[in-house]
């Protein structure tokens, strides 16, 4: 599932940068994180699901309701994808592109 998400993110924005954050003894592999002119999302893998956290997700349009967790937060939103579930690939890529556009707009305002 992580490789599929990684591919979709790169398809949405070939210039996006993947990095690894928060390496620690309990998680030596760290957490994959993506950015382009600012932070886009992180991905955490669990036994039965994948968690995509968008730190500024509350400000993104989500007409197809991909966000399914942390909906009460004023800033972040989460997409939990459980084993066997499929993600709407076009809607997901649109969400990534919107997050990148929002970051670029923020950089221009500075």
PDB file of N, CA and C in Angstrom:
ATOM      1  N   UNK A   1       0.832  -1.197   0.000  1.00  0.00           N
ATOM      2  CA  UNK A   1       0.000   0.000   0.000  1.00  0.00           C
ATOM      3  C   UNK A   1       0.876   1.260   0.000  1.00  0.00           C
ATOM      4  N   UNK A   2       1.954   1.255   0.803  1.00  0.00           N
ATOM      5  CA  UNK A   2       2.825   2.426   0.859  1.00  0.00           C
ATOM      6  C   UNK A   2       3.436   2.727  -0.501  1.00  0.00           C
ATOM      7  N   UNK A   3       3.839   1.708  -1.238  1.00  0.00           N
ATOM      8  CA  UNK A   3       4.428   1.962  -2.557  1.00  0.00           C
ATOM      9  C   UNK A   3       3.384   2.528  -3.515  1.00  0.00           C
ATOM     10  N   UNK A   4       2.126   2.099  -3.405  1.00  0.00           N
ATOM     11  CA  UNK A   4       1.065   2.651  -4.245  1.00  0.00           C
ATOM     12  C   UNK A   4       0.857   4.131  -3.917  1.00  0.00           C
ATOM     13  N   UNK A   5       0.817   4.475  -2.629  1.00  0.00           N
ATOM     14  CA  UNK A   5       0.642   5.864  -2.216  1.00  0.00           C
ATOM     15  C   UNK A   5       1.824   6.698  -2.688  1.00  0.00           C
ATOM     16  N   UNK A   6       3.021   6.168  -2.527  1.00  0.00           N
ATOM     17  CA  UNK A   6       4.239   6.857  -2.974  1.00  0.00           C
ATOM     18  C   UNK A   6       4.142   7.163  -4.478  1.00  0.00           C
ATOM     19  N   UNK A   7       3.707   6.195  -5.261  1.00  0.00           N
ATOM     20  CA  UNK A   7       3.563   6.393  -6.711  1.00  0.00           C
ATOM     21  C   UNK A   7       2.510   7.455  -7.031  1.00  0.00           C
ATOM     22  N   UNK A   8       1.387   7.425  -6.339  1.00  0.00           N
ATOM     23  CA  UNK A   8       0.338   8.410  -6.576  1.00  0.00           C
ATOM     24  C   UNK A   8       0.816   9.820  -6.233  1.00  0.00           C
ATOM     25  N   UNK A   9       1.566   9.955  -5.152  1.00  0.00           N
ATOM     26  CA  UNK A   9       2.082  11.266  -4.764  1.00  0.00           C
ATOM     27  C   UNK A   9       3.023  11.787  -5.838  1.00  0.00           C
ATOM     28  N   UNK A  10       3.910  10.940  -6.333  1.00  0.00           N
ATOM     29  CA  UNK A  10       4.854  11.360  -7.382  1.00  0.00           C
ATOM     30  C   UNK A  10       4.135  11.661  -8.695  1.00  0.00           C
ATOM     31  N   UNK A  11       3.055  10.930  -8.990  1.00  0.00           N
ATOM     32  CA  UNK A  11       2.270  11.228 -10.193  1.00  0.00           C
ATOM     33  C   UNK A  11       1.591  12.587 -10.069  1.00  0.00           C
ATOM     34  N   UNK A  12       1.113  12.892  -8.872  1.00  0.00           N
ATOM     35  CA  UNK A  12       0.427  14.163  -8.643  1.00  0.00           C
ATOM     36  C   UNK A  12       1.380  15.334  -8.772  1.00  0.00           C
ATOM     37  N   UNK A  13       2.612  15.155  -8.307  1.00  0.00           N
ATOM     38  CA  UNK A  13       3.604  16.234  -8.347  1.00  0.00           C
ATOM     39  C   UNK A  13       4.995  15.624  -8.424  1.00  0.00           C
ATOM     40  N   UNK A  14       5.549  15.531  -9.624  1.00  0.00           N
ATOM     41  CA  UNK A  14       6.882  14.933  -9.790  1.00  0.00           C
ATOM     42  C   UNK A  14       7.988  15.679  -9.039  1.00  0.00           C
ATOM     43  N   UNK A  15       7.747  16.923  -8.650  1.00  0.00           N
ATOM     44  CA  UNK A  15       8.769  17.704  -7.950  1.00  0.00           C
ATOM     45  C   UNK A  15       8.687  17.564  -6.426  1.00  0.00           C
ATOM     46  N   UNK A  16       7.733  16.814  -5.949  1.00  0.00           N
ATOM     47  CA  UNK A  16       7.589  16.636  -4.509  1.00  0.00           C
ATOM     48  C   UNK A  16       8.815  15.893  -3.969  1.00  0.00           C
ATOM     49  N   UNK A  17       9.203  16.220  -2.756  1.00  0.00           N
ATOM     50  CA  UNK A  17      10.388  15.623  -2.136  1.00  0.00           C
ATOM     51  C   UNK A  17       9.946  14.693  -1.009  1.00  0.00           C
ATOM     52  N   UNK A  18      10.470  13.478  -1.039  1.00  0.00           N
ATOM     53  CA  UNK A  18      10.223  12.538   0.055  1.00  0.00           C
ATOM     54  C   UNK A  18      11.435  12.533   0.979  1.00  0.00           C
ATOM     55  N   UNK A  19      11.183  12.579   2.242  1.00  0.00           N
ATOM     56  CA  UNK A  19      12.226  12.578   3.258  1.00  0.00           C
ATOM     57  C   UNK A  19      11.782  11.635   4.369  1.00  0.00           C
ATOM     58  N   UNK A  20      12.676  11.328   5.275  1.00  0.00           N
ATOM     59  CA  UNK A  20      12.331  10.514   6.439  1.00  0.00           C
ATOM     60  C   UNK A  20      12.534  11.378   7.674  1.00  0.00           C
ATOM     61  N   UNK A  21      11.520  11.439   8.503  1.00  0.00           N
ATOM     62  CA  UNK A  21      11.542  12.249   9.726  1.00  0.00           C
ATOM     63  C   UNK A  21      11.399  11.346  10.943  1.00  0.00           C
ATOM     64  N   UNK A  22      11.744  11.900  12.069  1.00  0.00           N
ATOM     65  CA  UNK A  22      11.465  11.305  13.375  1.00  0.00           C
ATOM     66  C   UNK A  22      11.987   9.879  13.549  1.00  0.00           C
ATOM     67  N   UNK A  23      13.246   9.660  13.183  1.00  0.00           N
ATOM     68  CA  UNK A  23      13.878   8.363  13.480  1.00  0.00           C
ATOM     69  C   UNK A  23      14.154   8.305  14.984  1.00  0.00           C
ATOM     70  N   UNK A  24      13.842   7.167  15.580  1.00  0.00           N
ATOM     71  CA  UNK A  24      14.095   6.988  17.009  1.00  0.00           C
ATOM     72  C   UNK A  24      14.220   5.498  17.283  1.00  0.00           C
ATOM     73  N   UNK A  25      14.721   5.123  18.452  1.00  0.00           N
ATOM     74  CA  UNK A  25      14.925   3.691  18.727  1.00  0.00           C
ATOM     75  C   UNK A  25      13.670   2.843  18.540  1.00  0.00           C
ATOM     76  N   UNK A  26      12.515   3.383  18.892  1.00  0.00           N
ATOM     77  CA  UNK A  26      11.283   2.609  18.735  1.00  0.00           C
ATOM     78  C   UNK A  26      10.793   2.567  17.290  1.00  0.00           C
ATOM     79  N   UNK A  27      11.346   3.438  16.435  1.00  0.00           N
ATOM     80  CA  UNK A  27      10.986   3.463  15.013  1.00  0.00           C
ATOM     81  C   UNK A  27      12.221   3.867  14.207  1.00  0.00           C
ATOM     82  N   UNK A  28      13.193   2.957  14.083  1.00  0.00           N
ATOM     83  CA  UNK A  28      14.458   3.311  13.429  1.00  0.00           C
ATOM     84  C   UNK A  28      14.307   3.667  11.946  1.00  0.00           C
ATOM     85  N   UNK A  29      13.254   3.183  11.296  1.00  0.00           N
ATOM     86  CA  UNK A  29      13.037   3.517   9.888  1.00  0.00           C
ATOM     87  C   UNK A  29      12.499   4.930   9.722  1.00  0.00           C
ATOM     88  N   UNK A  30      11.957   5.503  10.786  1.00  0.00           N
ATOM     89  CA  UNK A  30      11.395   6.846  10.706  1.00  0.00           C
ATOM     90  C   UNK A  30      10.049   6.866  10.014  1.00  0.00           C
ATOM     91  N   UNK A  31       9.610   8.072   9.695  1.00  0.00           N
ATOM     92  CA  UNK A  31       8.301   8.292   9.081  1.00  0.00           C
ATOM     93  C   UNK A  31       8.497   8.969   7.730  1.00  0.00           C
ATOM     94  N   UNK A  32       8.023   8.358   6.641  1.00  0.00           N
ATOM     95  CA  UNK A  32       8.108   9.035   5.350  1.00  0.00           C
ATOM     96  C   UNK A  32       7.295  10.334   5.381  1.00  0.00           C
ATOM     97  N   UNK A  33       7.898  11.400   4.865  1.00  0.00           N
ATOM     98  CA  UNK A  33       7.245  12.709   4.833  1.00  0.00           C
ATOM     99  C   UNK A  33       7.475  13.332   3.466  1.00  0.00           C
ATOM    100  N   UNK A  34       6.454  14.014   2.967  1.00  0.00           N
ATOM    101  CA  UNK A  34       6.541  14.650   1.661  1.00  0.00           C
ATOM    102  C   UNK A  34       6.368  16.152   1.785  1.00  0.00           C
ATOM    103  N   UNK A  35       7.136  16.870   0.949  1.00  0.00           N
ATOM    104  CA  UNK A  35       7.035  18.329   0.967  1.00  0.00           C
ATOM    105  C   UNK A  35       7.279  18.902  -0.425  1.00  0.00           C
ATOM    106  N   UNK A  36       6.741  20.065  -0.639  1.00  0.00           N
ATOM    107  CA  UNK A  36       6.996  20.884  -1.825  1.00  0.00           C
ATOM    108  C   UNK A  36       6.600  22.301  -1.437  1.00  0.00           C
ATOM    109  N   UNK A  37       7.595  23.156  -1.285  1.00  0.00           N
ATOM    110  CA  UNK A  37       7.385  24.524  -0.790  1.00  0.00           C
ATOM    111  C   UNK A  37       6.698  24.509   0.571  1.00  0.00           C
ATOM    112  N   UNK A  38       6.900  23.458   1.316  1.00  0.00           N
ATOM    113  CA  UNK A  38       6.287  23.290   2.628  1.00  0.00           C
ATOM    114  C   UNK A  38       5.823  21.854   2.795  1.00  0.00           C
ATOM    115  N   UNK A  39       5.427  21.556   3.985  1.00  0.00           N
ATOM    116  CA  UNK A  39       5.010  20.213   4.372  1.00  0.00           C
ATOM    117  C   UNK A  39       3.694  19.834   3.689  1.00  0.00           C
ATOM    118  N   UNK A  40       3.600  18.599   3.178  1.00  0.00           N
ATOM    119  CA  UNK A  40       2.362  18.099   2.561  1.00  0.00           C
ATOM    120  C   UNK A  40       1.718  17.040   3.467  1.00  0.00           C
ATOM    121  N   UNK A  41       2.424  15.928   3.682  1.00  0.00           N
ATOM    122  CA  UNK A  41       1.850  14.857   4.503  1.00  0.00           C
ATOM    123  C   UNK A  41       2.927  13.901   4.988  1.00  0.00           C
ATOM    124  N   UNK A  42       2.552  13.092   5.961  1.00  0.00           N
ATOM    125  CA  UNK A  42       3.396  11.997   6.443  1.00  0.00           C
ATOM    126  C   UNK A  42       2.613  10.704   6.300  1.00  0.00           C
ATOM    127  N   UNK A  43       3.350   9.607   6.320  1.00  0.00           N
ATOM    128  CA  UNK A  43       2.709   8.301   6.225  1.00  0.00           C
ATOM    129  C   UNK A  43       3.264   7.399   7.311  1.00  0.00           C
ATOM    130  N   UNK A  44       2.369   6.792   8.053  1.00  0.00           N
ATOM    131  CA  UNK A  44       2.768   5.820   9.067  1.00  0.00           C
ATOM    132  C   UNK A  44       2.105   4.492   8.730  1.00  0.00           C
ATOM    133  N   UNK A  45       2.875   3.431   8.833  1.00  0.00           N
ATOM    134  CA  UNK A  45       2.328   2.105   8.559  1.00  0.00           C
ATOM    135  C   UNK A  45       2.084   1.380   9.870  1.00  0.00           C
ATOM    136  N   UNK A  46       0.945   0.742   9.943  1.00  0.00           N
ATOM    137  CA  UNK A  46       0.551  -0.054  11.097  1.00  0.00           C
ATOM    138  C   UNK A  46       0.229  -1.467  10.625  1.00  0.00           C
ATOM    139  N   UNK A  47      -0.043  -2.336  11.544  1.00  0.00           N
ATOM    140  CA  UNK A  47      -0.283  -3.742  11.217  1.00  0.00           C
ATOM    141  C   UNK A  47      -1.396  -3.914  10.172  1.00  0.00           C
ATOM    142  N   UNK A  48      -2.490  -3.161  10.335  1.00  0.00           N
ATOM    143  CA  UNK A  48      -3.640  -3.369   9.458  1.00  0.00           C
ATOM    144  C   UNK A  48      -4.071  -2.143   8.668  1.00  0.00           C
ATOM    145  N   UNK A  49      -3.304  -1.042   8.772  1.00  0.00           N
ATOM    146  CA  UNK A  49      -3.683   0.130   7.993  1.00  0.00           C
ATOM    147  C   UNK A  49      -2.506   1.091   7.803  1.00  0.00           C
ATOM    148  N   UNK A  50      -2.732   2.021   6.904  1.00  0.00           N
ATOM    149  CA  UNK A  50      -1.786   3.079   6.580  1.00  0.00           C
ATOM    150  C   UNK A  50      -2.431   4.397   6.987  1.00  0.00           C
ATOM    151  N   UNK A  51      -1.667   5.260   7.636  1.00  0.00           N
ATOM    152  CA  UNK A  51      -2.196   6.547   8.101  1.00  0.00           C
ATOM    153  C   UNK A  51      -1.460   7.668   7.365  1.00  0.00           C
ATOM    154  N   UNK A  52      -2.213   8.454   6.606  1.00  0.00           N
ATOM    155  CA  UNK A  52      -1.679   9.628   5.916  1.00  0.00           C
ATOM    156  C   UNK A  52      -2.146  10.861   6.674  1.00  0.00           C
ATOM    157  N   UNK A  53      -1.216  11.608   7.237  1.00  0.00           N
ATOM    158  CA  UNK A  53      -1.551  12.786   8.018  1.00  0.00           C
ATOM    159  C   UNK A  53      -1.163  14.036   7.248  1.00  0.00           C
ATOM    160  N   UNK A  54      -2.134  14.911   7.026  1.00  0.00           N
ATOM    161  CA  UNK A  54      -1.935  16.191   6.356  1.00  0.00           C
ATOM    162  C   UNK A  54      -2.007  17.267   7.436  1.00  0.00           C
ATOM    163  N   UNK A  55      -0.861  17.861   7.813  1.00  0.00           N
ATOM    164  CA  UNK A  55      -0.882  18.816   8.924  1.00  0.00           C
ATOM    165  C   UNK A  55      -1.762  20.041   8.676  1.00  0.00           C
ATOM    166  N   UNK A  56      -1.972  20.397   7.417  1.00  0.00           N
ATOM    167  CA  UNK A  56      -2.847  21.524   7.082  1.00  0.00           C
ATOM    168  C   UNK A  56      -4.099  21.058   6.348  1.00  0.00           C
ATOM    169  N   UNK A  57      -4.487  19.832   6.589  1.00  0.00           N
ATOM    170  CA  UNK A  57      -5.603  19.229   5.870  1.00  0.00           C
ATOM    171  C   UNK A  57      -6.938  19.911   6.057  1.00  0.00           C
ATOM    172  N   UNK A  58      -7.150  20.550   7.204  1.00  0.00           N
ATOM    173  CA  UNK A  58      -8.439  21.207   7.456  1.00  0.00           C
ATOM    174  C   UNK A  58      -8.689  22.353   6.479  1.00  0.00           C
ATOM    175  N   UNK A  59      -7.628  22.884   5.895  1.00  0.00           N
ATOM    176  CA  UNK A  59      -7.784  23.995   4.951  1.00  0.00           C
ATOM    177  C   UNK A  59      -7.896  23.520   3.503  1.00  0.00           C
ATOM    178  N   UNK A  60      -7.854  22.211   3.273  1.00  0.00           N
ATOM    179  CA  UNK A  60      -7.958  21.665   1.921  1.00  0.00           C
ATOM    180  C   UNK A  60      -9.391  21.268   1.609  1.00  0.00           C
ATOM    181  N   UNK A  61      -9.773  21.451   0.355  1.00  0.00           N
ATOM    182  CA  UNK A  61     -11.082  20.987  -0.088  1.00  0.00           C
ATOM    183  C   UNK A  61     -11.026  19.479  -0.251  1.00  0.00           C
ATOM    184  N   UNK A  62     -12.040  18.802   0.209  1.00  0.00           N
ATOM    185  CA  UNK A  62     -12.103  17.341   0.147  1.00  0.00           C
ATOM    186  C   UNK A  62     -13.505  16.915  -0.305  1.00  0.00           C
ATOM    187  N   UNK A  63     -13.856  17.230  -1.559  1.00  0.00           N
ATOM    188  CA  UNK A  63     -15.228  16.958  -2.004  1.00  0.00           C
ATOM    189  C   UNK A  63     -15.594  15.480  -2.044  1.00  0.00           C
ATOM    190  N   UNK A  64     -14.607  14.594  -2.147  1.00  0.00           N
ATOM    191  CA  UNK A  64     -14.919  13.159  -2.188  1.00  0.00           C
ATOM    192  C   UNK A  64     -14.764  12.492  -0.828  1.00  0.00           C
ATOM    193  N   UNK A  65     -14.476  13.289   0.197  1.00  0.00           N
ATOM    194  CA  UNK A  65     -14.399  12.806   1.585  1.00  0.00           C
ATOM    195  C   UNK A  65     -13.341  11.719   1.789  1.00  0.00           C
ATOM    196  N   UNK A  66     -12.136  11.985   1.277  1.00  0.00           N
ATOM    197  CA  UNK A  66     -11.023  11.071   1.533  1.00  0.00           C
ATOM    198  C   UNK A  66     -10.624  11.099   3.003  1.00  0.00           C
ATOM    199  N   UNK A  67     -10.664  12.298   3.613  1.00  0.00           N
ATOM    200  CA  UNK A  67     -10.308  12.398   5.023  1.00  0.00           C
ATOM    201  C   UNK A  67     -11.355  11.656   5.846  1.00  0.00           C
ATOM    202  N   UNK A  68     -10.887  10.744   6.692  1.00  0.00           N
ATOM    203  CA  UNK A  68     -11.826   9.958   7.481  1.00  0.00           C
ATOM    204  C   UNK A  68     -11.434   9.872   8.957  1.00  0.00           C
ATOM    205  N   UNK A  69     -10.479  10.705   9.372  1.00  0.00           N
ATOM    206  CA  UNK A  69     -10.059  10.718  10.763  1.00  0.00           C
ATOM    207  C   UNK A  69      -9.553  12.110  11.113  1.00  0.00           C
ATOM    208  N   UNK A  70      -9.597  12.449  12.389  1.00  0.00           N
ATOM    209  CA  UNK A  70      -9.191  13.769  12.885  1.00  0.00           C
ATOM    210  C   UNK A  70     -10.049  14.880  12.271  1.00  0.00           C
ATOM    211  N   UNK A  71     -11.280  14.581  12.001  1.00  0.00           N
ATOM    212  CA  UNK A  71     -12.164  15.542  11.341  1.00  0.00           C
ATOM    213  C   UNK A  71     -12.527  16.712  12.243  1.00  0.00           C
ATOM    214  N   UNK A  72     -12.325  16.572  13.551  1.00  0.00           N
ATOM    215  CA  UNK A  72     -12.650  17.658  14.471  1.00  0.00           C
ATOM    216  C   UNK A  72     -11.485  18.632  14.669  1.00  0.00           C
ATOM    217  N   UNK A  73     -10.320  18.291  14.155  1.00  0.00           N
ATOM    218  CA  UNK A  73      -9.141  19.147  14.327  1.00  0.00           C
ATOM    219  C   UNK A  73      -9.280  20.437  13.520  1.00  0.00           C
ATOM    220  N   UNK A  74      -8.731  21.509  14.058  1.00  0.00           N
ATOM    221  CA  UNK A  74      -8.749  22.791  13.352  1.00  0.00           C
ATOM    222  C   UNK A  74      -7.655  22.899  12.308  1.00  0.00           C
ATOM    223  N   UNK A  75      -6.729  21.952  12.288  1.00  0.00           N
ATOM    224  CA  UNK A  75      -5.630  22.051  11.334  1.00  0.00           C
ATOM    225  C   UNK A  75      -5.412  20.753  10.556  1.00  0.00           C
ATOM    226  N   UNK A  76      -5.133  19.674  11.234  1.00  0.00           N
ATOM    227  CA  UNK A  76      -4.761  18.468  10.499  1.00  0.00           C
ATOM    228  C   UNK A  76      -5.955  17.581  10.173  1.00  0.00           C
ATOM    229  N   UNK A  77      -5.760  16.791   9.141  1.00  0.00           N
ATOM    230  CA  UNK A  77      -6.737  15.781   8.740  1.00  0.00           C
ATOM    231  C   UNK A  77      -5.973  14.508   8.406  1.00  0.00           C
ATOM    232  N   UNK A  78      -6.645  13.369   8.530  1.00  0.00           N
ATOM    233  CA  UNK A  78      -6.003  12.074   8.336  1.00  0.00           C
ATOM    234  C   UNK A  78      -6.839  11.226   7.383  1.00  0.00           C
ATOM    235  N   UNK A  79      -6.125  10.454   6.567  1.00  0.00           N
ATOM    236  CA  UNK A  79      -6.748   9.414   5.750  1.00  0.00           C
ATOM    237  C   UNK A  79      -6.210   8.091   6.264  1.00  0.00           C
ATOM    238  N   UNK A  80      -7.075   7.273   6.826  1.00  0.00           N
ATOM    239  CA  UNK A  80      -6.709   5.919   7.232  1.00  0.00           C
ATOM    240  C   UNK A  80      -7.150   4.975   6.122  1.00  0.00           C
ATOM    241  N   UNK A  81      -6.219   4.181   5.629  1.00  0.00           N
ATOM    242  CA  UNK A  81      -6.532   3.196   4.593  1.00  0.00           C
ATOM    243  C   UNK A  81      -6.265   1.824   5.193  1.00  0.00           C
ATOM    244  N   UNK A  82      -7.317   1.061   5.372  1.00  0.00           N
ATOM    245  CA  UNK A  82      -7.188  -0.269   5.966  1.00  0.00           C
ATOM    246  C   UNK A  82      -6.883  -1.300   4.889  1.00  0.00           C
ATOM    247  N   UNK A  83      -6.260  -2.368   5.314  1.00  0.00           N
ATOM    248  CA  UNK A  83      -5.879  -3.426   4.395  1.00  0.00           C
ATOM    249  C   UNK A  83      -7.081  -3.867   3.565  1.00  0.00           C
ATOM    250  N   UNK A  84      -6.889  -3.938   2.272  1.00  0.00           N
ATOM    251  CA  UNK A  84      -7.951  -4.358   1.362  1.00  0.00           C
ATOM    252  C   UNK A  84      -8.783  -3.204   0.812  1.00  0.00           C
ATOM    253  N   UNK A  85      -8.705  -2.028   1.435  1.00  0.00           N
ATOM    254  CA  UNK A  85      -9.444  -0.856   0.931  1.00  0.00           C
ATOM    255  C   UNK A  85      -8.711  -0.252  -0.260  1.00  0.00           C
ATOM    256  N   UNK A  86      -9.478   0.361  -1.115  1.00  0.00           N
ATOM    257  CA  UNK A  86      -8.905   1.077  -2.257  1.00  0.00           C
ATOM    258  C   UNK A  86      -9.130   2.560  -2.039  1.00  0.00           C
ATOM    259  N   UNK A  87      -8.209   3.348  -2.565  1.00  0.00           N
ATOM    260  CA  UNK A  87      -8.340   4.799  -2.475  1.00  0.00           C
ATOM    261  C   UNK A  87      -8.725   5.327  -3.855  1.00  0.00           C
ATOM    262  N   UNK A  88      -9.535   6.357  -3.881  1.00  0.00           N
ATOM    263  CA  UNK A  88      -9.887   7.022  -5.130  1.00  0.00           C
ATOM    264  C   UNK A  88      -8.626   7.750  -5.616  1.00  0.00           C
ATOM    265  N   UNK A  89      -7.934   7.149  -6.572  1.00  0.00           N
ATOM    266  CA  UNK A  89      -6.628   7.647  -6.995  1.00  0.00           C
ATOM    267  C   UNK A  89      -6.689   9.068  -7.541  1.00  0.00           C
ATOM    268  N   UNK A  90      -7.672   9.372  -8.363  1.00  0.00           N
ATOM    269  CA  UNK A  90      -7.756  10.719  -8.939  1.00  0.00           C
ATOM    270  C   UNK A  90      -8.054  11.763  -7.872  1.00  0.00           C
ATOM    271  N   UNK A  91      -8.940  11.435  -6.946  1.00  0.00           N
ATOM    272  CA  UNK A  91      -9.255  12.364  -5.853  1.00  0.00           C
ATOM    273  C   UNK A  91      -8.033  12.567  -4.959  1.00  0.00           C
ATOM    274  N   UNK A  92      -7.280  11.499  -4.715  1.00  0.00           N
ATOM    275  CA  UNK A  92      -6.086  11.609  -3.883  1.00  0.00           C
ATOM    276  C   UNK A  92      -5.037  12.500  -4.557  1.00  0.00           C
ATOM    277  N   UNK A  93      -4.815  12.295  -5.845  1.00  0.00           N
ATOM    278  CA  UNK A  93      -3.837  13.129  -6.560  1.00  0.00           C
ATOM    279  C   UNK A  93      -4.287  14.585  -6.572  1.00  0.00           C
ATOM    280  N   UNK A  94      -5.578  14.824  -6.714  1.00  0.00           N
ATOM    281  CA  UNK A  94      -6.093  16.202  -6.675  1.00  0.00           C
ATOM    282  C   UNK A  94      -5.837  16.830  -5.307  1.00  0.00           C
ATOM    283  N   UNK A  95      -5.986  16.049  -4.246  1.00  0.00           N
ATOM    284  CA  UNK A  95      -5.741  16.539  -2.893  1.00  0.00           C
ATOM    285  C   UNK A  95      -4.262  16.915  -2.720  1.00  0.00           C
ATOM    286  N   UNK A  96      -3.371  16.084  -3.228  1.00  0.00           N
ATOM    287  CA  UNK A  96      -1.936  16.384  -3.172  1.00  0.00           C
ATOM    288  C   UNK A  96      -1.640  17.664  -3.948  1.00  0.00           C
ATOM    289  N   UNK A  97      -2.194  17.781  -5.158  1.00  0.00           N
ATOM    290  CA  UNK A  97      -1.960  18.992  -5.970  1.00  0.00           C
ATOM    291  C   UNK A  97      -2.487  20.240  -5.276  1.00  0.00           C
ATOM    292  N   UNK A  98      -3.626  20.120  -4.610  1.00  0.00           N
ATOM    293  CA  UNK A  98      -4.173  21.268  -3.888  1.00  0.00           C
ATOM    294  C   UNK A  98      -3.268  21.664  -2.722  1.00  0.00           C
ATOM    295  N   UNK A  99      -2.738  20.679  -2.007  1.00  0.00           N
ATOM    296  CA  UNK A  99      -1.829  20.977  -0.896  1.00  0.00           C
ATOM    297  C   UNK A  99      -0.566  21.670  -1.403  1.00  0.00           C
ATOM    298  N   UNK A 100      -0.043  21.222  -2.528  1.00  0.00           N
ATOM    299  CA  UNK A 100       1.139  21.862  -3.121  1.00  0.00           C
ATOM    300  C   UNK A 100       0.804  23.290  -3.534  1.00  0.00           C
ATOM    301  N   UNK A 101      -0.334  23.487  -4.193  1.00  0.00           N
ATOM    302  CA  UNK A 101      -0.746  24.833  -4.621  1.00  0.00           C
ATOM    303  C   UNK A 101      -0.902  25.759  -3.424  1.00  0.00           C
ATOM    304  N   UNK A 102      -1.458  25.245  -2.345  1.00  0.00           N
ATOM    305  CA  UNK A 102      -1.624  26.040  -1.127  1.00  0.00           C
ATOM    306  C   UNK A 102      -0.253  26.442  -0.562  1.00  0.00           C
ATOM    307  N   UNK A 103       0.696  25.509  -0.559  1.00  0.00           N
ATOM    308  CA  UNK A 103       2.046  25.828  -0.093  1.00  0.00           C
ATOM    309  C   UNK A 103       2.695  26.890  -0.968  1.00  0.00           C
ATOM    310  N   UNK A 104       2.550  26.748  -2.286  1.00  0.00           N
ATOM    311  CA  UNK A 104       3.148  27.722  -3.212  1.00  0.00           C
ATOM    312  C   UNK A 104       2.541  29.103  -2.996  1.00  0.00           C
ATOM    313  N   UNK A 105       1.234  29.159  -2.801  1.00  0.00           N
ATOM    314  CA  UNK A 105       0.572  30.445  -2.555  1.00  0.00           C
ATOM    315  C   UNK A 105       1.078  31.085  -1.267  1.00  0.00           C
ATOM    316  N   UNK A 106       1.296  30.254  -0.266  1.00  0.00           N
ATOM    317  CA  UNK A 106       1.802  30.754   1.006  1.00  0.00           C
ATOM    318  C   UNK A 106       3.216  31.309   0.844  1.00  0.00           C
ATOM    319  N   UNK A 107       4.049  30.651   0.068  1.00  0.00           N
ATOM    320  CA  UNK A 107       5.418  31.118  -0.185  1.00  0.00           C
ATOM    321  C   UNK A 107       5.386  32.441  -0.918  1.00  0.00           C
ATOM    322  N   UNK A 108       4.493  32.598  -1.878  1.00  0.00           N
ATOM    323  CA  UNK A 108       4.391  33.850  -2.657  1.00  0.00           C
ATOM    324  C   UNK A 108       3.967  35.008  -1.779  1.00  0.00           C
ATOM    325  N   UNK A 109       3.132  34.741  -0.770  1.00  0.00           N
ATOM    326  CA  UNK A 109       2.651  35.820   0.111  1.00  0.00           C
ATOM    327  C   UNK A 109       3.748  36.330   1.051  1.00  0.00           C
ATOM    328  N   UNK A 110       4.779  35.534   1.265  1.00  0.00           N
ATOM    329  CA  UNK A 110       5.833  35.928   2.226  1.00  0.00           C
ATOM    330  C   UNK A 110       6.777  36.948   1.640  1.00  0.00           C
TER     331      UNK A 110
END
